[in-house]
Amino acid sequence: MIDKVRDIIKKYGLIDKGDRIVVAVSGGADSICLLHILYVLKEEFDLQLYAAHLNHNFRGIEAQMDAQYVANFCEELDIICFIKSVNAPKYAREHGLSDEEAGRILRYEFFEEILDKVGANKVAIAHNQNDQAETVLMRLMRGTGIQGLTAIHHERGYIIRPLLDISRKAIEDYCFINKLSPRIDKTNLEPIYHRNKIRLELIPYIEKEYNPNIVENLARTADILRKDSDFIEEYARDKYRELKIDNDRDYIALDINDVNKLHPALQSRIFRLAAEDLVGKREVLEYKHIQSTTELMERGETGKKILLPMGIIVRISYDRIIFTTREDEEDEKIFYYKLPSDGSIYIEDIDATINIKIRDRSEIKGISRDKYIKSFDYDKIESDLNIRNRREGDRFWPLGLTGTKKLKDFFIDYKIDREERNRIPLICDGDEIMWVIGYRISEKYKITDDTKKILVLEYKKDFDKK
């Protein structure tokens, strides 16, 4: 058993020498087995171990006895143990959650508290092969895709699961051989929860009537699908990076035409990646949300939008599908900065730097074609240089046109989303627009044969960092 767990640790790279690991210990066979095995491997991997036990207060005196057992067990092993009591039933009622979900949330909050307190870098959880099989069946019956059927992973973030390939029977045998005497949660023996019914009724029925190796086969299926899913996920992430045409902390825009060319399997993953970028949660979008997003994109009607979980808004703007969590009032923010005659200035509102240079015509060898570096006839500037966003009534004389037009009409011509227009910076000579940054300069300030001095402006923003 020790050798098998060591192999799992090495195969999946779960533990590095010197790790500080918090072990989640309920007092049941799985977690007691895990803590004991990591204790045995402690010197080999130079580990610092801590135990964490959370009393959810679902089971009264039995839960208190569990906590006392864990404390005593950790004392025997000389492992620091953190024990906390929470009112999970009350938390579930107040937040409209099931008891299972409330317990899960409170457990992970507790783990993070301990990680911060002791400076640990990993949390070890005792999910086993039977848990994996049960999860695959649960998700299959609920309805899920390939990613959902990968079920529980050996590692995700700071969570590691060294027993995931070990059967429950092997764990119980280990506890018996080593006289560990774990606690028994009697609620696990009652078919009162969905998972318990699968564990106590469905899997034994399948083992008896159809396949005695169903647990191992389901766990193997999850492992096979995980490899396929990892490959697709990596490919989807590459495509997602290619498809982003604009993004910020709370705003992501994708090209509708490019997304429409993708296979639906890739589309759904890209939508989930956009949601993850916005709210930091992988599985925020369910199948119904993906369907709604796909239908919105297929209709392609500018201005139409849908609301998704965690405040995500998806809307269509010309040839873009936009994922955002922005509130409407954010678009009304006004910014205005005077520019120095030479040098650089950082503009906090747009997180960008403007570099300003004045050069004699003879010093300029060529005019840059970069859309964020533009040159102007300096002698035509009549007032203070400044950078701002749009104002009501703004007009602009785009390079190459015979006269001015409303800035609003210019934005419409370029299919710039209405809610993005206030965020586009404008370089101005007093009130007159010289440059709509990223789009066009003014005809009035273009370089001609008579130009003597040239103003060179560079707009620098780390677009890839967002």
Protein backbone atom coordinates (compact mmCIF):
# COMPACT_ATOMS: atom_id res chain seq x y z
CA MET A 1 0.00 0.00 0.00
CA ILE A 2 2.79 2.45 0.92
CA ASP A 3 4.61 1.59 -2.30
CA LYS A 4 1.47 2.13 -4.38
CA VAL A 5 0.80 5.54 -2.84
CA ARG A 6 4.45 6.49 -3.36
CA ASP A 7 4.09 5.52 -7.04
CA ILE A 8 0.93 7.63 -7.38
CA ILE A 9 2.71 10.61 -5.80
CA LYS A 10 5.62 10.29 -8.22
CA LYS A 11 3.49 9.55 -11.29
CA TYR A 12 1.39 12.68 -10.91
CA GLY A 13 4.04 14.87 -9.26
CA LEU A 14 1.82 15.45 -6.24
CA ILE A 15 4.53 16.11 -3.67
CA ASP A 16 7.92 17.81 -3.82
CA LYS A 17 10.60 17.49 -1.18
CA GLY A 18 10.12 20.04 1.57
CA ASP A 19 6.38 20.53 1.02
CA ARG A 20 4.26 21.80 3.91
CA ILE A 21 1.00 19.88 3.66
CA VAL A 22 -2.32 20.33 5.46
CA VAL A 23 -4.12 16.97 5.61
CA ALA A 24 -7.92 17.07 5.78
CA VAL A 25 -8.84 14.57 8.51
CA SER A 26 -12.46 13.69 9.24
CA GLY A 27 -11.60 10.71 11.44
CA GLY A 28 -12.91 8.16 8.94
CA ALA A 29 -10.86 5.36 7.39
CA ASP A 30 -9.87 7.28 4.24
CA SER A 31 -8.43 10.36 5.95
CA ILE A 32 -6.81 8.45 8.81
CA CYS A 33 -5.15 6.16 6.26
CA LEU A 34 -3.93 9.18 4.27
CA LEU A 35 -2.48 10.95 7.31
CA HIS A 36 -0.74 7.79 8.50
CA ILE A 37 0.79 7.06 5.07
CA LEU A 38 2.06 10.64 4.70
CA TYR A 39 3.48 10.34 8.22
CA VAL A 40 5.34 7.17 7.14
CA LEU A 41 6.65 9.02 4.05
CA LYS A 42 7.45 12.17 6.01
CA GLU A 43 11.21 11.66 6.25
CA GLU A 44 11.55 10.43 2.67
CA PHE A 45 9.91 13.58 1.27
CA ASP A 46 11.07 15.93 4.06
CA LEU A 47 7.46 16.91 4.78
CA GLN A 48 5.98 19.24 7.36
CA LEU A 49 2.50 17.89 8.12
CA TYR A 50 -0.52 19.56 9.69
CA ALA A 51 -3.99 18.12 10.26
CA ALA A 52 -7.29 19.97 9.79
CA HIS A 53 -10.59 18.76 11.23
CA LEU A 54 -13.86 20.65 10.79
CA ASN A 55 -16.90 19.83 12.91
CA HIS A 56 -19.91 20.77 10.77
CA ASN A 57 -22.34 20.13 13.63
CA PHE A 58 -24.51 17.85 11.56
CA ARG A 59 -24.19 14.89 13.97
CA GLY A 60 -24.18 16.25 17.52
CA ILE A 61 -22.20 14.25 20.10
CA GLU A 62 -20.89 11.85 17.42
CA ALA A 63 -19.17 14.75 15.65
CA GLN A 64 -17.58 15.90 18.92
CA MET A 65 -16.25 12.39 19.49
CA ASP A 66 -14.79 12.44 15.95
CA ALA A 67 -12.93 15.67 16.79
CA GLN A 68 -11.55 14.19 19.99
CA TYR A 69 -10.42 11.05 18.17
CA VAL A 70 -8.60 13.13 15.52
CA ALA A 71 -6.92 15.24 18.21
CA ASN A 72 -5.71 12.12 20.04
CA PHE A 73 -4.52 10.43 16.83
CA CYS A 74 -2.52 13.52 15.80
CA GLU A 75 -1.01 13.79 19.27
CA GLU A 76 0.27 10.20 18.98
CA LEU A 77 1.95 11.10 15.68
CA ASP A 78 3.19 14.46 17.01
CA ILE A 79 1.35 16.31 14.22
CA ILE A 80 -0.10 19.77 14.85
CA CYS A 81 -3.88 19.55 14.55
CA PHE A 82 -6.32 22.40 13.88
CA ILE A 83 -9.91 21.75 14.93
CA LYS A 84 -12.78 24.13 14.27
CA SER A 85 -16.53 23.96 14.86
CA VAL A 86 -18.99 25.65 12.46
CA ASN A 87 -22.76 25.73 12.19
CA ALA A 88 -23.06 24.25 8.71
CA PRO A 89 -26.86 23.67 8.92
CA LYS A 90 -27.41 27.37 9.66
CA TYR A 91 -25.02 28.39 6.86
CA ALA A 92 -26.91 26.14 4.43
CA ARG A 93 -30.27 27.70 5.38
CA GLU A 94 -28.99 31.28 5.17
CA HIS A 95 -27.42 30.76 1.74
CA GLY A 96 -30.03 28.45 0.22
CA LEU A 97 -27.59 25.55 -0.13
CA SER A 98 -27.77 21.83 0.42
CA ASP A 99 -26.03 20.50 3.52
CA GLU A 100 -23.37 18.87 1.31
CA GLU A 101 -22.59 22.09 -0.58
CA ALA A 102 -22.52 24.19 2.59
CA GLY A 103 -20.14 21.72 4.20
CA ARG A 104 -17.85 21.76 1.17
CA ILE A 105 -17.65 25.57 1.09
CA LEU A 106 -16.91 25.82 4.80
CA ARG A 107 -14.26 23.10 4.59
CA TYR A 108 -12.35 24.86 1.84
CA GLU A 109 -12.53 28.18 3.69
CA PHE A 110 -11.06 26.39 6.72
CA PHE A 111 -8.27 24.87 4.63
CA GLU A 112 -7.31 28.28 3.26
CA GLU A 113 -7.23 29.74 6.78
CA ILE A 114 -4.72 27.09 7.84
CA LEU A 115 -2.65 27.42 4.66
CA ASP A 116 -2.19 31.11 5.43
CA LYS A 117 -1.58 30.54 9.15
CA VAL A 118 1.19 27.95 8.82
CA GLY A 119 2.57 28.87 5.39
CA ALA A 120 1.66 25.51 3.89
CA ASN A 121 1.50 25.07 0.12
CA LYS A 122 -0.77 22.03 -0.33
CA VAL A 123 -3.89 20.41 1.08
CA ALA A 124 -4.15 16.61 0.89
CA ILE A 125 -7.65 15.16 0.63
CA ALA A 126 -8.49 11.46 0.95
CA HIS A 127 -10.71 10.88 -2.08
CA ASN A 128 -10.31 7.28 -3.24
CA GLN A 129 -11.09 5.09 -6.26
CA ASN A 130 -14.66 4.42 -5.08
CA ASP A 131 -15.29 8.16 -4.71
CA GLN A 132 -14.09 8.56 -8.28
CA ALA A 133 -16.45 5.85 -9.59
CA GLU A 134 -19.40 7.32 -7.67
CA THR A 135 -18.68 10.79 -9.07
CA VAL A 136 -18.54 9.49 -12.65
CA LEU A 137 -21.95 7.81 -12.20
CA MET A 138 -23.46 10.89 -10.53
CA ARG A 139 -22.35 13.16 -13.36
CA LEU A 140 -23.37 10.69 -16.05
CA MET A 141 -26.90 10.49 -14.64
CA ARG A 142 -27.12 14.25 -14.25
CA GLY A 143 -25.81 14.83 -17.78
CA THR A 144 -22.34 16.16 -18.53
CA GLY A 145 -19.63 16.30 -21.17
CA ILE A 146 -16.17 14.82 -21.43
CA GLN A 147 -14.75 17.35 -18.99
CA GLY A 148 -17.36 16.48 -16.37
CA LEU A 149 -16.68 12.76 -16.76
CA THR A 150 -13.03 13.29 -15.86
CA ALA A 151 -14.55 13.65 -12.38
CA ILE A 152 -12.04 14.03 -9.53
CA HIS A 153 -8.46 14.97 -10.42
CA HIS A 154 -5.28 13.89 -8.63
CA GLU A 155 -4.24 17.53 -8.43
CA ARG A 156 -6.08 20.80 -8.87
CA GLY A 157 -4.49 24.00 -7.66
CA TYR A 158 -3.18 23.43 -4.14
CA ILE A 159 -5.33 20.29 -3.65
CA ILE A 160 -3.69 16.85 -3.97
CA ARG A 161 -5.33 13.41 -3.73
CA PRO A 162 -2.70 10.68 -3.21
CA LEU A 163 -5.31 7.93 -2.57
CA LEU A 164 -7.39 8.50 -5.71
CA ASP A 165 -6.25 5.22 -7.31
CA ILE A 166 -6.68 3.18 -4.11
CA SER A 167 -9.86 1.20 -3.47
CA ARG A 168 -11.92 1.70 -0.31
CA LYS A 169 -11.35 -1.96 0.62
CA ALA A 170 -7.57 -1.54 0.41
CA ILE A 171 -7.83 1.52 2.65
CA GLU A 172 -9.92 -0.34 5.22
CA ASP A 173 -7.46 -3.26 5.14
CA TYR A 174 -4.57 -0.83 5.74
CA CYS A 175 -6.34 0.64 8.77
CA PHE A 176 -7.03 -2.84 10.16
CA ILE A 177 -3.45 -4.09 9.65
CA ASN A 178 -2.02 -0.97 11.30
CA LYS A 179 -4.61 -0.96 14.12
CA LEU A 180 -5.70 2.60 13.38
CA SER A 181 -9.33 2.11 14.51
CA PRO A 182 -10.90 4.99 12.49
CA ARG A 183 -14.26 6.46 13.35
CA ILE A 184 -17.37 5.33 11.46
CA ASP A 185 -19.80 7.99 10.25
CA LYS A 186 -23.13 6.18 10.48
CA THR A 187 -24.75 8.59 8.01
CA ASN A 188 -22.47 7.10 5.34
CA LEU A 189 -24.27 3.80 5.89
CA GLU A 190 -27.71 5.28 5.24
CA PRO A 191 -29.06 5.97 1.71
CA ILE A 192 -30.15 9.50 2.66
CA TYR A 193 -27.98 11.42 0.19
CA HIS A 194 -27.72 10.97 -3.57
CA ARG A 195 -24.08 9.85 -3.33
CA ASN A 196 -24.91 7.42 -0.53
CA LYS A 197 -27.62 5.81 -2.67
CA ILE A 198 -25.13 5.29 -5.48
CA ARG A 199 -22.55 3.89 -3.05
CA LEU A 200 -24.90 1.63 -1.07
CA GLU A 201 -27.46 0.60 -3.70
CA LEU A 202 -26.52 1.27 -7.33
CA ILE A 203 -22.87 0.18 -7.41
CA PRO A 204 -23.47 -3.07 -5.45
CA TYR A 205 -26.35 -3.85 -7.84
CA ILE A 206 -24.14 -3.28 -10.92
CA GLU A 207 -21.34 -5.34 -9.35
CA LYS A 208 -23.73 -8.22 -8.70
CA GLU A 209 -25.77 -8.17 -11.91
CA TYR A 210 -23.45 -6.73 -14.57
CA ASN A 211 -19.78 -6.12 -13.78
CA PRO A 212 -17.93 -6.98 -10.55
CA ASN A 213 -15.12 -4.61 -11.62
CA ILE A 214 -17.34 -1.57 -12.23
CA VAL A 215 -15.49 0.62 -9.70
CA GLU A 216 -12.09 0.03 -11.30
CA ASN A 217 -13.55 0.39 -14.82
CA LEU A 218 -15.26 3.70 -14.06
CA ALA A 219 -12.11 5.07 -12.45
CA ARG A 220 -10.09 3.94 -15.49
CA THR A 221 -12.63 5.60 -17.81
CA ALA A 222 -12.24 8.88 -15.92
CA ASP A 223 -8.46 8.65 -16.30
CA ILE A 224 -8.70 7.97 -20.06
CA LEU A 225 -11.13 10.84 -20.55
CA ARG A 226 -8.94 13.15 -18.47
CA LYS A 227 -6.05 12.67 -20.92
CA ASP A 228 -8.32 13.42 -23.88
CA SER A 229 -9.85 16.38 -22.07
CA ASP A 230 -6.42 17.79 -21.18
CA PHE A 231 -5.42 17.69 -24.85
CA ILE A 232 -8.62 19.44 -25.98
CA GLU A 233 -8.31 21.96 -23.14
CA GLU A 234 -4.77 22.88 -24.15
CA TYR A 235 -5.86 23.33 -27.76
CA ALA A 236 -8.89 25.38 -26.68
CA ARG A 237 -6.71 27.68 -24.58
CA ASP A 238 -4.44 28.32 -27.57
CA LYS A 239 -7.45 29.14 -29.76
CA TYR A 240 -8.93 31.33 -27.03
CA ARG A 241 -5.76 33.43 -26.89
CA GLU A 242 -5.89 33.80 -30.68
CA LEU A 243 -9.56 34.79 -30.73
CA LYS A 244 -9.41 37.53 -28.09
CA ILE A 245 -9.46 40.84 -29.94
CA ASP A 246 -9.83 42.98 -26.83
CA ASN A 247 -9.72 42.24 -23.15
CA ASP A 248 -9.50 43.90 -19.78
CA ARG A 249 -9.97 42.93 -16.15
CA ASP A 250 -13.75 42.85 -16.55
CA TYR A 251 -14.23 42.73 -20.33
CA ILE A 252 -13.41 40.16 -23.02
CA ALA A 253 -14.28 40.49 -26.69
CA LEU A 254 -14.11 37.66 -29.24
CA ASP A 255 -14.56 37.81 -33.00
CA ILE A 256 -17.94 36.23 -33.80
CA ASN A 257 -16.93 35.09 -37.27
CA ASP A 258 -13.85 33.30 -35.96
CA VAL A 259 -15.77 31.65 -33.10
CA ASN A 260 -18.50 30.51 -35.51
CA LYS A 261 -15.91 28.66 -37.58
CA LEU A 262 -14.97 26.46 -34.62
CA HIS A 263 -16.38 23.06 -33.77
CA PRO A 264 -19.11 23.33 -31.08
CA ALA A 265 -16.90 21.37 -28.68
CA LEU A 266 -14.29 24.13 -28.88
CA GLN A 267 -16.89 26.91 -28.72
CA SER A 268 -18.25 25.69 -25.40
CA ARG A 269 -14.76 25.49 -23.88
CA ILE A 270 -13.87 28.97 -25.12
CA PHE A 271 -17.06 30.38 -23.55
CA ARG A 272 -16.11 28.70 -20.27
CA LEU A 273 -12.57 30.08 -20.48
CA ALA A 274 -13.93 33.60 -20.95
CA ALA A 275 -16.18 33.15 -17.91
CA GLU A 276 -13.24 31.78 -15.91
CA ASP A 277 -11.12 34.81 -16.84
CA LEU A 278 -13.83 37.14 -15.56
CA VAL A 279 -14.84 35.50 -12.28
CA GLY A 280 -12.03 33.04 -11.54
CA LYS A 281 -14.24 29.96 -11.41
CA ARG A 282 -13.86 27.10 -13.88
CA GLU A 283 -17.31 25.56 -13.87
CA VAL A 284 -19.49 28.67 -13.64
CA LEU A 285 -21.31 27.91 -16.93
CA GLU A 286 -23.65 24.94 -17.20
CA TYR A 287 -24.92 23.34 -20.41
CA LYS A 288 -28.00 25.59 -20.52
CA HIS A 289 -25.78 28.70 -20.28
CA ILE A 290 -23.60 27.48 -23.14
CA GLN A 291 -26.73 26.88 -25.23
CA SER A 292 -28.04 30.39 -24.51
CA THR A 293 -24.67 31.91 -25.42
CA THR A 294 -24.49 29.91 -28.65
CA GLU A 295 -28.00 30.97 -29.66
CA LEU A 296 -27.19 34.62 -28.94
CA MET A 297 -24.08 34.41 -31.10
CA GLU A 298 -25.92 32.67 -33.95
CA ARG A 299 -28.60 35.40 -34.03
CA GLY A 300 -25.84 38.01 -34.10
CA GLU A 301 -28.11 40.98 -33.33
CA THR A 302 -26.13 43.99 -32.11
CA GLY A 303 -27.30 45.18 -28.70
CA LYS A 304 -28.84 41.85 -27.64
CA LYS A 305 -27.56 40.38 -24.38
CA ILE A 306 -28.11 37.60 -21.85
CA LEU A 307 -27.33 37.36 -18.15
CA LEU A 308 -25.28 34.43 -16.82
CA PRO A 309 -24.29 33.38 -13.29
CA MET A 310 -21.99 35.49 -11.07
CA GLY A 311 -22.89 38.74 -12.82
CA ILE A 312 -21.56 37.79 -16.24
CA ILE A 313 -23.22 39.61 -19.15
CA VAL A 314 -22.82 38.31 -22.70
CA ARG A 315 -23.80 40.66 -25.50
CA ILE A 316 -23.37 41.15 -29.22
CA SER A 317 -21.77 44.23 -30.71
CA TYR A 318 -21.37 44.18 -34.49
CA ASP A 319 -18.82 41.43 -35.20
CA ARG A 320 -17.97 40.84 -31.54
CA ILE A 321 -19.34 38.64 -28.79
CA ILE A 322 -18.53 40.30 -25.48
CA PHE A 323 -18.26 38.77 -22.01
CA THR A 324 -18.24 41.36 -19.24
CA THR A 325 -19.05 42.02 -15.61
CA ARG A 326 -19.06 45.79 -16.02
CA GLU A 327 -21.86 47.83 -14.56
CA ASP A 328 -23.34 50.41 -16.94
CA GLU A 329 -22.24 53.37 -14.83
CA GLU A 330 -18.58 52.47 -15.37
CA ASP A 331 -18.91 53.63 -18.95
CA GLU A 332 -19.79 57.15 -17.81
CA LYS A 333 -16.40 57.81 -16.19
CA ILE A 334 -14.67 60.88 -17.60
CA PHE A 335 -10.91 61.34 -17.81
CA TYR A 336 -8.81 64.31 -18.91
CA TYR A 337 -5.04 64.85 -18.68
CA LYS A 338 -2.81 67.58 -20.06
CA LEU A 339 0.21 66.25 -21.94
CA PRO A 340 3.74 67.57 -21.47
CA SER A 341 5.45 69.16 -24.44
CA ASP A 342 8.08 66.43 -24.34
CA GLY A 343 8.68 63.25 -22.32
CA SER A 344 6.20 60.70 -20.96
CA ILE A 345 3.04 60.59 -18.88
CA TYR A 346 1.19 57.65 -17.32
CA ILE A 347 -2.61 57.80 -17.59
CA GLU A 348 -4.08 55.85 -14.68
CA ASP A 349 -7.66 55.75 -16.03
CA ILE A 350 -6.60 53.78 -19.09
CA ASP A 351 -3.48 52.13 -17.60
CA ALA A 352 -1.30 53.39 -20.44
CA THR A 353 1.71 55.61 -21.07
CA ILE A 354 1.98 58.35 -23.70
CA ASN A 355 5.47 59.09 -24.99
CA ILE A 356 5.87 62.54 -26.59
CA LYS A 357 8.74 63.63 -28.83
CA ILE A 358 9.29 66.72 -30.97
CA ARG A 359 11.72 66.33 -33.84
CA ASP A 360 12.96 68.35 -36.78
CA ARG A 361 11.78 67.02 -40.13
CA SER A 362 15.36 66.17 -41.04
CA GLU A 363 15.64 63.80 -38.04
CA ILE A 364 12.69 61.65 -39.15
CA LYS A 365 13.70 58.94 -41.59
CA GLY A 366 10.24 57.45 -42.06
CA ILE A 367 6.68 57.57 -40.77
CA SER A 368 5.66 54.66 -38.57
CA ARG A 369 2.78 52.48 -39.72
CA ASP A 370 2.13 51.23 -36.17
CA LYS A 371 -1.45 52.13 -35.20
CA TYR A 372 -0.19 53.17 -31.76
CA ILE A 373 2.63 55.42 -33.00
CA LYS A 374 1.56 58.49 -34.98
CA SER A 375 3.26 61.62 -36.30
CA PHE A 376 1.72 65.10 -36.60
CA ASP A 377 2.64 68.52 -37.98
CA TYR A 378 3.71 70.23 -34.75
CA ASP A 379 3.34 73.78 -36.07
CA LYS A 380 -0.41 73.27 -36.66
CA ILE A 381 -1.06 72.74 -32.95
CA GLU A 382 -2.73 75.86 -31.54
CA SER A 383 -3.50 74.99 -27.91
CA ASP A 384 -2.58 72.63 -25.07
CA LEU A 385 -2.14 68.98 -25.92
CA ASN A 386 -4.37 66.72 -23.85
CA ILE A 387 -5.81 63.24 -23.72
CA ARG A 388 -9.44 62.60 -22.84
CA ASN A 389 -12.45 60.49 -23.70
CA ARG A 390 -15.34 61.61 -25.87
CA ARG A 391 -17.75 64.44 -25.15
CA GLU A 392 -21.21 65.20 -26.41
CA GLY A 393 -21.02 66.98 -29.77
CA ASP A 394 -17.45 65.94 -30.65
CA ARG A 395 -16.58 66.16 -34.33
CA PHE A 396 -13.57 64.71 -36.11
CA TRP A 397 -11.89 65.16 -39.51
CA PRO A 398 -10.63 61.63 -40.37
CA LEU A 399 -7.52 61.46 -42.51
CA GLY A 400 -8.45 61.19 -46.20
CA LEU A 401 -11.95 62.63 -45.90
CA THR A 402 -13.03 66.00 -47.28
CA GLY A 403 -14.65 67.30 -44.10
CA THR A 404 -15.57 66.65 -40.49
CA LYS A 405 -18.15 64.21 -39.17
CA LYS A 406 -19.66 63.47 -35.81
CA LEU A 407 -17.38 61.32 -33.69
CA LYS A 408 -20.43 59.17 -32.93
CA ASP A 409 -20.86 58.46 -36.66
CA PHE A 410 -17.14 57.66 -36.95
CA PHE A 411 -17.51 55.07 -34.17
CA ILE A 412 -20.55 53.58 -35.89
CA ASP A 413 -18.63 53.34 -39.18
CA TYR A 414 -15.90 51.41 -37.38
CA LYS A 415 -18.48 49.23 -35.60
CA ILE A 416 -17.18 50.22 -32.18
CA ASP A 417 -19.41 48.97 -29.39
CA ARG A 418 -21.52 51.73 -27.82
CA GLU A 419 -20.37 50.84 -24.33
CA GLU A 420 -16.72 50.90 -25.41
CA ARG A 421 -16.75 54.36 -26.98
CA ASN A 422 -16.13 56.23 -23.72
CA ARG A 423 -13.04 54.14 -23.08
CA ILE A 424 -11.28 55.04 -26.34
CA PRO A 425 -8.68 57.75 -25.65
CA LEU A 426 -8.53 60.85 -27.83
CA ILE A 427 -5.46 63.05 -28.32
CA CYS A 428 -6.63 66.65 -28.68
CA ASP A 429 -5.34 70.10 -29.49
CA GLY A 430 -7.49 72.00 -27.01
CA ASP A 431 -10.96 70.78 -27.91
CA GLU A 432 -10.07 69.57 -31.39
CA ILE A 433 -9.44 65.86 -31.92
CA MET A 434 -6.05 65.05 -33.45
CA TRP A 435 -6.07 61.29 -33.03
CA VAL A 436 -8.64 58.64 -32.17
CA ILE A 437 -6.06 56.29 -30.67
CA GLY A 438 -5.92 52.95 -32.42
CA TYR A 439 -8.00 54.15 -35.39
CA ARG A 440 -7.32 57.36 -37.33
CA ILE A 441 -5.53 60.72 -37.08
CA SER A 442 -7.00 64.02 -38.21
CA GLU A 443 -6.54 65.28 -41.76
CA LYS A 444 -5.77 68.72 -40.32
CA TYR A 445 -2.58 67.59 -38.54
CA LYS A 446 -1.08 65.28 -41.18
CA ILE A 447 2.54 65.58 -42.32
CA THR A 448 2.98 67.52 -45.59
CA ASP A 449 5.90 68.72 -47.69
CA ASP A 450 5.76 72.02 -45.76
CA THR A 451 6.09 70.38 -42.35
CA LYS A 452 9.16 71.56 -40.42
CA LYS A 453 8.67 70.09 -36.97
CA ILE A 454 7.06 66.74 -36.24
CA LEU A 455 5.28 65.65 -33.07
CA VAL A 456 5.63 61.90 -32.50
CA LEU A 457 3.17 60.30 -30.07
CA GLU A 458 3.38 56.71 -28.88
CA TYR A 459 0.58 55.01 -26.96
CA LYS A 460 1.92 52.12 -24.87
CA LYS A 461 -0.28 49.59 -23.13
CA ASP A 462 0.55 45.98 -22.27
CA PHE A 463 -2.46 44.37 -23.96
CA ASP A 464 -1.18 40.83 -23.35
CA LYS A 465 -0.99 41.41 -19.59
CA LYS A 466 -4.74 41.86 -19.22
